[in-house]
Amino acid sequence: MAPTINIPLDALTSRLNLQGRFDSVRAQSLASRFSNLKPLSEFFDLKRLSKPNNFGEMQARVNYNLNYFSSNYAVVFVMLSIYSLLTNLTLLWVIIFVTVGMYGIGRLKGGDLDLGFVKATSAQLYTGLMVIGVPWAIWASPLATALWLVGATGVTILGHASFMDKPIESAFSEEAV
């Protein structure tokens, strides 16, 4: 008999503090989340673009800008997500197909689908949806799209955050005693 290995997941996840990490994001509504969008003139202020002198300055800029432009960066992520779905129409079609299929099967409320010439239970419909949807989803390469989205978002957001200098007002507020 093979020995069983028990992995204490509570000990691993409690050290990472994953439980309360996103509570503040979940608590606020979508309207309040995007209420602090900075204007485009401030987000694309070319006068504040400069190369950081060292890694410490770049780190300080990234920390400041990720907090200051967080809503703008969320919009950038949404725009890149839409772009990635529009450039991978197969994946978009699979998402629409599975969503509409799940909605349609859910509308039956556990009843059977009777078309006159064929009768199918909800379990058969879910199985059929899975048999069609899973190969299509694999063919649509969602992993490649997700990795592209992570890379493009990271380069765009971290690039902007590291090259956008802090406003002068924030430099004076940090030096105050």
Protein backbone atom coordinates (compact mmCIF):
# COMPACT_ATOMS: atom_id res chain seq x y z
CA MET A 1 0.00 0.00 0.00
CA ALA A 2 1.42 3.38 -1.01
CA PRO A 3 1.94 5.95 1.75
CA THR A 4 -0.33 8.98 1.60
CA ILE A 5 1.14 12.43 1.64
CA ASN A 6 -0.81 15.14 3.43
CA ILE A 7 0.02 18.67 2.35
CA PRO A 8 -1.03 21.30 4.90
CA LEU A 9 -2.60 23.80 2.52
CA ASP A 10 -3.75 26.01 5.40
CA ALA A 11 -0.15 26.54 6.49
CA LEU A 12 0.90 27.48 2.96
CA THR A 13 -1.97 29.82 2.15
CA SER A 14 -2.06 31.53 5.54
CA ARG A 15 1.53 32.70 5.11
CA LEU A 16 0.72 34.22 1.73
CA ASN A 17 -2.27 36.08 3.24
CA LEU A 18 -4.46 35.23 0.26
CA GLN A 19 -7.70 35.33 2.26
CA GLY A 20 -8.04 39.09 2.72
CA ARG A 21 -5.87 40.19 -0.18
CA PHE A 22 -8.69 41.19 -2.53
CA ASP A 23 -11.43 42.08 -0.03
CA SER A 24 -11.13 45.81 -0.73
CA VAL A 25 -11.49 45.22 -4.47
CA ARG A 26 -14.56 43.03 -3.95
CA ALA A 27 -16.16 45.48 -1.51
CA GLN A 28 -16.26 48.48 -3.85
CA SER A 29 -18.63 48.80 -6.78
CA LEU A 30 -17.52 49.10 -10.39
CA ALA A 31 -18.58 52.76 -10.53
CA SER A 32 -16.55 53.69 -7.46
CA ARG A 33 -13.58 51.67 -8.73
CA PHE A 34 -13.38 53.76 -11.89
CA SER A 35 -14.39 57.06 -10.29
CA ASN A 36 -10.74 57.99 -9.74
CA LEU A 37 -9.68 57.68 -13.39
CA LYS A 38 -7.01 60.23 -14.14
CA PRO A 39 -7.48 62.36 -17.28
CA LEU A 40 -5.69 61.28 -20.45
CA SER A 41 -3.65 64.51 -20.44
CA GLU A 42 -2.20 63.47 -17.08
CA PHE A 43 -1.81 59.80 -18.00
CA PHE A 44 0.04 60.65 -21.24
CA ASP A 45 1.98 63.69 -19.93
CA LEU A 46 5.10 63.58 -22.10
CA LYS A 47 6.80 66.26 -20.00
CA ARG A 48 6.96 63.86 -17.05
CA LEU A 49 8.52 61.00 -19.03
CA SER A 50 12.13 60.39 -18.14
CA LYS A 51 14.54 57.55 -17.66
CA PRO A 52 15.06 56.63 -14.01
CA ASN A 53 18.63 57.15 -12.74
CA ASN A 54 18.85 53.89 -10.81
CA PHE A 55 16.84 50.87 -9.76
CA GLY A 56 15.74 52.48 -6.48
CA GLU A 57 14.22 55.44 -8.29
CA MET A 58 12.49 53.12 -10.74
CA GLN A 59 11.09 51.08 -7.87
CA ALA A 60 9.79 54.23 -6.15
CA ARG A 61 8.16 55.39 -9.40
CA VAL A 62 6.51 52.02 -9.97
CA ASN A 63 5.18 51.90 -6.39
CA TYR A 64 3.78 55.42 -6.67
CA ASN A 65 2.32 55.11 -10.18
CA LEU A 66 0.71 51.69 -9.63
CA ASN A 67 -1.28 53.22 -6.79
CA TYR A 68 -1.91 56.61 -8.44
CA PHE A 69 -2.95 55.30 -11.88
CA SER A 70 -4.54 52.02 -10.73
CA SER A 71 -7.88 52.70 -12.42
CA ASN A 72 -6.18 53.75 -15.64
CA TYR A 73 -4.13 50.56 -15.58
CA ALA A 74 -7.33 48.54 -15.07
CA VAL A 75 -8.75 50.19 -18.21
CA VAL A 76 -5.54 49.34 -20.09
CA PHE A 77 -5.93 45.70 -19.00
CA VAL A 78 -9.58 45.64 -20.16
CA MET A 79 -8.65 47.20 -23.51
CA LEU A 80 -5.86 44.66 -24.05
CA SER A 81 -8.27 41.86 -23.09
CA ILE A 82 -10.78 43.03 -25.67
CA TYR A 83 -8.01 43.33 -28.26
CA SER A 84 -6.79 39.81 -27.53
CA LEU A 85 -10.31 38.41 -27.97
CA LEU A 86 -10.85 40.34 -31.19
CA THR A 87 -7.58 39.02 -32.62
CA ASN A 88 -8.40 35.44 -31.54
CA LEU A 89 -11.90 35.12 -32.96
CA THR A 90 -11.93 31.36 -32.40
CA LEU A 91 -11.55 31.86 -28.65
CA LEU A 92 -14.23 34.58 -28.70
CA TRP A 93 -16.58 32.22 -30.56
CA VAL A 94 -15.91 29.39 -28.07
CA ILE A 95 -16.63 31.71 -25.12
CA ILE A 96 -19.89 32.88 -26.73
CA PHE A 97 -20.88 29.33 -27.70
CA VAL A 98 -20.30 27.88 -24.22
CA THR A 99 -21.94 30.85 -22.47
CA VAL A 100 -25.06 30.71 -24.66
CA GLY A 101 -25.16 26.91 -24.33
CA MET A 102 -24.95 27.05 -20.53
CA TYR A 103 -27.61 29.78 -20.46
CA GLY A 104 -29.90 27.78 -22.73
CA ILE A 105 -29.52 24.58 -20.73
CA GLY A 106 -30.07 26.54 -17.52
CA ARG A 107 -33.33 27.94 -18.90
CA LEU A 108 -34.68 24.38 -19.05
CA LYS A 109 -34.51 24.29 -15.22
CA GLY A 110 -33.58 20.60 -15.16
CA GLY A 111 -36.25 19.59 -17.65
CA ASP A 112 -35.73 17.73 -20.89
CA LEU A 113 -35.35 19.33 -24.30
CA ASP A 114 -38.04 17.93 -26.57
CA LEU A 115 -37.78 18.93 -30.22
CA GLY A 116 -40.34 16.39 -31.42
CA PHE A 117 -37.92 14.14 -33.26
CA VAL A 118 -35.35 14.00 -30.43
CA LYS A 119 -35.53 14.20 -26.65
CA ALA A 120 -32.43 15.08 -24.57
CA THR A 121 -31.94 15.39 -20.83
CA SER A 122 -29.97 18.22 -19.23
CA ALA A 123 -27.11 15.84 -18.49
CA GLN A 124 -26.95 14.84 -22.15
CA LEU A 125 -27.00 18.50 -23.21
CA TYR A 126 -24.18 19.39 -20.79
CA THR A 127 -22.19 16.39 -22.02
CA GLY A 128 -22.73 17.41 -25.64
CA LEU A 129 -21.70 20.96 -24.86
CA MET A 130 -18.54 19.68 -23.18
CA VAL A 131 -17.74 17.27 -26.04
CA ILE A 132 -17.96 20.14 -28.52
CA GLY A 133 -16.63 22.96 -26.33
CA VAL A 134 -13.49 21.38 -24.84
CA PRO A 135 -11.79 20.45 -28.16
CA TRP A 136 -12.76 23.81 -29.58
CA ALA A 137 -11.33 25.54 -26.51
CA ILE A 138 -8.07 23.61 -26.81
CA TRP A 139 -7.87 24.48 -30.51
CA ALA A 140 -8.53 28.16 -29.73
CA SER A 141 -5.34 28.26 -27.57
CA PRO A 142 -6.58 30.19 -24.53
CA LEU A 143 -3.28 29.61 -22.72
CA ALA A 144 -1.31 31.39 -25.44
CA THR A 145 -3.80 34.25 -25.38
CA ALA A 146 -3.63 34.51 -21.59
CA LEU A 147 0.17 34.48 -21.63
CA TRP A 148 0.20 37.17 -24.33
CA LEU A 149 -2.23 39.21 -22.24
CA VAL A 150 -0.07 38.90 -19.12
CA GLY A 151 3.07 39.85 -21.05
CA ALA A 152 1.53 42.76 -22.94
CA THR A 153 -0.13 44.12 -19.82
CA GLY A 154 3.06 43.77 -17.78
CA VAL A 155 5.24 45.49 -20.37
CA THR A 156 2.72 48.27 -20.93
CA ILE A 157 1.88 48.99 -17.32
CA LEU A 158 5.35 48.51 -15.82
CA GLY A 159 6.88 50.46 -18.70
CA HIS A 160 4.55 53.39 -18.12
CA ALA A 161 4.93 53.20 -14.34
CA SER A 162 8.73 53.13 -14.46
CA PHE A 163 9.19 55.94 -16.99
CA MET A 164 6.48 58.31 -15.69
CA ASP A 165 8.07 60.61 -13.11
CA LYS A 166 6.19 61.51 -9.93
CA PRO A 167 4.55 64.94 -9.89
CA ILE A 168 6.50 67.67 -8.14
CA GLU A 169 3.82 68.00 -5.45
CA SER A 170 4.45 64.43 -4.30
CA ALA A 171 8.19 65.05 -4.00
CA PHE A 172 7.55 67.98 -1.63
CA SER A 173 4.99 66.05 0.42
CA GLU A 174 7.52 63.21 1.02
CA GLU A 175 10.17 65.60 2.33
CA ALA A 176 7.87 67.29 4.86
CA VAL A 177 8.64 66.43 8.47
